Structures are given as C-alpha cells and as structure tokens.
C-alpha atoms as a PDB file:
ATOM      1  CA  MET A   1      34.392   6.926  -0.104  1.00  0.00           C
ATOM      2  CA  ALA A   2      30.740   6.448  -1.128  1.00  0.00           C
ATOM      3  CA  SER A   3      28.171   9.034  -0.150  1.00  0.00           C
ATOM      4  CA  MET A   4      25.319   8.186   2.201  1.00  0.00           C
ATOM      5  CA  THR A   5      22.824   8.248  -0.698  1.00  0.00           C
ATOM      6  CA  GLU A   6      24.918   5.829  -2.747  1.00  0.00           C
ATOM      7  CA  ARG A   7      25.279   3.530   0.251  1.00  0.00           C
ATOM      8  CA  LYS A   8      21.514   3.533   0.894  1.00  0.00           C
ATOM      9  CA  ALA A   9      20.843   2.773  -2.786  1.00  0.00           C
ATOM     10  CA  GLU A  10      23.309  -0.128  -2.685  1.00  0.00           C
ATOM     11  CA  ILE A  11      21.707  -1.599   0.441  1.00  0.00           C
ATOM     12  CA  SER A  12      18.221  -1.106  -0.974  1.00  0.00           C
ATOM     13  CA  GLY A  13      19.225  -2.891  -4.175  1.00  0.00           C
ATOM     14  CA  ARG A  14      20.632  -5.837  -2.231  1.00  0.00           C
ATOM     15  CA  VAL A  15      17.514  -6.112  -0.079  1.00  0.00           C
ATOM     16  CA  ALA A  16      15.246  -5.999  -3.151  1.00  0.00           C
ATOM     17  CA  ALA A  17      17.315  -8.702  -4.868  1.00  0.00           C
ATOM     18  CA  GLU A  18      17.094 -10.946  -1.784  1.00  0.00           C
ATOM     19  CA  ALA A  19      13.353 -10.400  -1.576  1.00  0.00           C
ATOM     20  CA  ARG A  20      12.913 -11.294  -5.258  1.00  0.00           C
ATOM     21  CA  ARG A  21      14.884 -14.509  -4.783  1.00  0.00           C
ATOM     22  CA  ALA A  22      12.743 -15.411  -1.768  1.00  0.00           C
ATOM     23  CA  LEU A  23       9.537 -14.762  -3.691  1.00  0.00           C
ATOM     24  CA  GLU A  24      10.741 -16.842  -6.656  1.00  0.00           C
ATOM     25  CA  ALA A  25      11.558 -19.662  -4.224  1.00  0.00           C
ATOM     26  CA  GLY A  26       7.916 -19.680  -3.132  1.00  0.00           C
ATOM     27  CA  MET A  27       8.322 -17.632   0.038  1.00  0.00           C
ATOM     28  CA  VAL A  28       6.012 -14.716   0.785  1.00  0.00           C
ATOM     29  CA  PRO A  29       7.209 -11.123   1.360  1.00  0.00           C
ATOM     30  CA  TRP A  30       5.217 -10.595   4.549  1.00  0.00           C
ATOM     31  CA  THR A  31       6.299 -11.673   8.005  1.00  0.00           C
ATOM     32  CA  ILE A  32       2.938 -11.875   9.785  1.00  0.00           C
ATOM     33  CA  GLY A  33      -0.161 -13.517   8.426  1.00  0.00           C
ATOM     34  CA  ASN A  34      -1.239 -16.196   6.020  1.00  0.00           C
ATOM     35  CA  ARG A  35      -2.275 -16.479   2.384  1.00  0.00           C
ATOM     36  CA  LEU A  36      -5.405 -14.409   2.972  1.00  0.00           C
ATOM     37  CA  VAL A  37      -3.942 -11.431   4.844  1.00  0.00           C
ATOM     38  CA  GLY A  38      -0.247 -10.653   5.321  1.00  0.00           C
ATOM     39  CA  TYR A  39       1.557  -7.788   7.031  1.00  0.00           C
ATOM     40  CA  ASP A  40       5.179  -6.674   7.185  1.00  0.00           C
ATOM     41  CA  PRO A  41       5.607  -4.445  10.256  1.00  0.00           C
ATOM     42  CA  LEU A  42       9.121  -3.330   9.293  1.00  0.00           C
ATOM     43  CA  LYS A  43       8.046  -1.938   5.923  1.00  0.00           C
ATOM     44  CA  ARG A  44       4.480  -1.280   7.124  1.00  0.00           C
ATOM     45  CA  ARG A  45       2.915  -2.989   4.110  1.00  0.00           C
ATOM     46  CA  LEU A  46      -0.281  -5.018   3.823  1.00  0.00           C
ATOM     47  CA  TRP A  47      -1.169  -7.816   1.402  1.00  0.00           C
ATOM     48  CA  ILE A  48      -4.652  -9.202   0.815  1.00  0.00           C
ATOM     49  CA  GLY A  49      -4.834 -12.447  -1.107  1.00  0.00           C
ATOM     50  CA  GLY A  50      -1.173 -12.091  -2.069  1.00  0.00           C
ATOM     51  CA  GLN A  51      -1.799  -8.677  -3.656  1.00  0.00           C
ATOM     52  CA  ARG A  52      -0.130  -5.650  -2.099  1.00  0.00           C
ATOM     53  CA  LEU A  53      -2.644  -3.089  -0.902  1.00  0.00           C
ATOM     54  CA  HIS A  54      -1.513   0.480  -1.597  1.00  0.00           C
ATOM     55  CA  HIS A  55      -3.044   3.261   0.452  1.00  0.00           C
ATOM     56  CA  GLY A  56      -3.981   5.077  -2.769  1.00  0.00           C
ATOM     57  CA  VAL A  57      -6.427   2.280  -3.581  1.00  0.00           C
ATOM     58  CA  THR A  58      -7.649   2.340  -0.002  1.00  0.00           C
ATOM     59  CA  GLY A  59      -8.274   6.073  -0.414  1.00  0.00           C
ATOM     60  CA  ILE A  60     -10.327   5.467  -3.551  1.00  0.00           C
ATOM     61  CA  ALA A  61     -12.460   2.911  -1.699  1.00  0.00           C
ATOM     62  CA  LEU A  62     -12.945   5.270   1.254  1.00  0.00           C
ATOM     63  CA  ALA A  63     -13.848   8.155  -1.065  1.00  0.00           C
ATOM     64  CA  GLY A  64     -16.464   6.009  -2.797  1.00  0.00           C
ATOM     65  CA  THR A  65     -17.938   5.015   0.535  1.00  0.00           C
ATOM     66  CA  ALA A  66     -18.008   8.629   1.724  1.00  0.00           C
ATOM     67  CA  VAL A  67     -19.784   9.779  -1.455  1.00  0.00           C
ATOM     68  CA  ALA A  68     -22.319   6.960  -1.105  1.00  0.00           C
ATOM     69  CA  GLN A  69     -22.951   7.964   2.511  1.00  0.00           C
ATOM     70  CA  LEU A  70     -23.416  11.574   1.423  1.00  0.00           C
ATOM     71  CA  ALA A  71     -25.940  10.442  -1.178  1.00  0.00           C
ATOM     72  CA  ILE A  72     -28.094   8.446   1.245  1.00  0.00           C
ATOM     73  CA  ARG A  73     -27.926  11.138   3.960  1.00  0.00           C
ATOM     74  CA  ARG A  74     -28.020   8.866   7.005  1.00  0.00           C
ATOM     75  CA  ARG A  75     -25.715  10.995   9.109  1.00  0.00           C
ATOM     76  CA  PRO A  76     -24.421  14.589   9.183  1.00  0.00           C
ATOM     77  CA  ALA A  77     -22.591  15.595   6.012  1.00  0.00           C
ATOM     78  CA  ARG A  78     -19.561  16.870   7.958  1.00  0.00           C
ATOM     79  CA  ILE A  79     -18.676  13.298   8.982  1.00  0.00           C
ATOM     80  CA  ASP A  80     -18.742  12.027   5.412  1.00  0.00           C
ATOM     81  CA  LEU A  81     -16.856  15.076   4.173  1.00  0.00           C
ATOM     82  CA  ALA A  82     -14.154  14.368   6.752  1.00  0.00           C
ATOM     83  CA  TRP A  83     -13.893  10.785   5.459  1.00  0.00           C
ATOM     84  CA  ALA A  84     -13.717  12.068   1.873  1.00  0.00           C
ATOM     85  CA  PHE A  85     -10.965  14.500   2.850  1.00  0.00           C
ATOM     86  CA  ALA A  86      -8.981  11.742   4.562  1.00  0.00           C
ATOM     87  CA  ALA A  87      -9.447   9.515   1.503  1.00  0.00           C
ATOM     88  CA  GLY A  88      -8.132  12.291  -0.733  1.00  0.00           C
ATOM     89  CA  ALA A  89      -5.087  12.628   1.496  1.00  0.00           C
ATOM     90  CA  LEU A  90      -4.360   8.889   1.128  1.00  0.00           C
ATOM     91  CA  VAL A  91      -4.611   9.103  -2.646  1.00  0.00           C
ATOM     92  CA  ALA A  92      -2.468  12.246  -2.814  1.00  0.00           C
ATOM     93  CA  HIS A  93       0.197  10.764  -0.570  1.00  0.00           C
ATOM     94  CA  ASP A  94       0.520   7.632  -2.742  1.00  0.00           C
ATOM     95  CA  TRP A  95       0.084   9.380  -6.113  1.00  0.00           C
ATOM     96  CA  LYS A  96       3.710   8.824  -7.155  1.00  0.00           C
ATOM     97  CA  ASP A  97       3.110   5.040  -6.993  1.00  0.00           C
ATOM     98  CA  ARG A  98      -0.179   5.073  -8.906  1.00  0.00           C
ATOM     99  CA  ALA A  99       1.277   2.889 -11.684  1.00  0.00           C
ATOM    100  CA  LEU A 100       1.660   0.111  -9.089  1.00  0.00           C
ATOM    101  CA  TRP A 101      -1.781   0.373  -7.481  1.00  0.00           C
ATOM    102  CA  PHE A 102      -3.343  -2.366  -9.609  1.00  0.00           C
ATOM    103  CA  LYS A 103      -0.186  -4.187 -10.684  1.00  0.00           C
ATOM    104  CA  ARG A 104      -0.613  -7.908 -10.061  1.00  0.00           C
ATOM    105  CA  GLY A 105       1.647  -9.735  -7.653  1.00  0.00           C
ATOM    106  CA  ALA A 106       3.304  -9.216  -4.305  1.00  0.00           C
ATOM    107  CA  GLN A 107       5.302  -6.123  -5.404  1.00  0.00           C
ATOM    108  CA  LEU A 108       8.477  -6.357  -3.404  1.00  0.00           C
ATOM    109  CA  ASP A 109       9.659  -2.807  -4.058  1.00  0.00           C
END
C-alpha cells in the first residue's frame, strides 16, 4: 500500500501533466480573468500578462517603494519601515522559488 506522501506526489504529477497539456493546447492556467490579469483561486496564484507573479517579486517591488518613501520623507518612517518589513517577509517566504521568479511563461508548477 502506498504511503500518503507517495499518493500526494502521484496526484500532483498527474495534475501537473494535465495542466501542461492544457497550456500546450492554448488554454490558460487561470480560472478567473483574461489575458491581462488572471487568477486561480484554488491554487491562489496570480498572472499578469500571462506571466506568473510570485510574491517574492512583489516583495522586491514593495521594498523598493518603501525605500523610496523613506528617502523622500513624506510620512513617518515607521510606516515605511513596516512596509519594508512586510516586503522582506514576502521575499523570505518565497525564497525557495527564487529561480522561478523571472522565468518566462505561465509556470504551471
């Protein structure tokens, strides 16, 4: 009898293979949206212009914005530091997938 981990890996492999076939057939991996913005609520993934948006990249963008806001000093520093901290948490959480952050394509996995 297969272990739970082996069973999950088998199911995951089948799902990924089906998704690849759908993408090759011209279908998109998201369930809500259009060619500009797409969202898959089951996997909680976002695509912009057909490119998957990882939260590590989002964290980098937020960190840059927070540093810019700190530099122009238009509001209290604690607000921008909080944004920078949150951005760092996004990057840290997605660090294991950093090789995929700028990979072109829909990225089904």
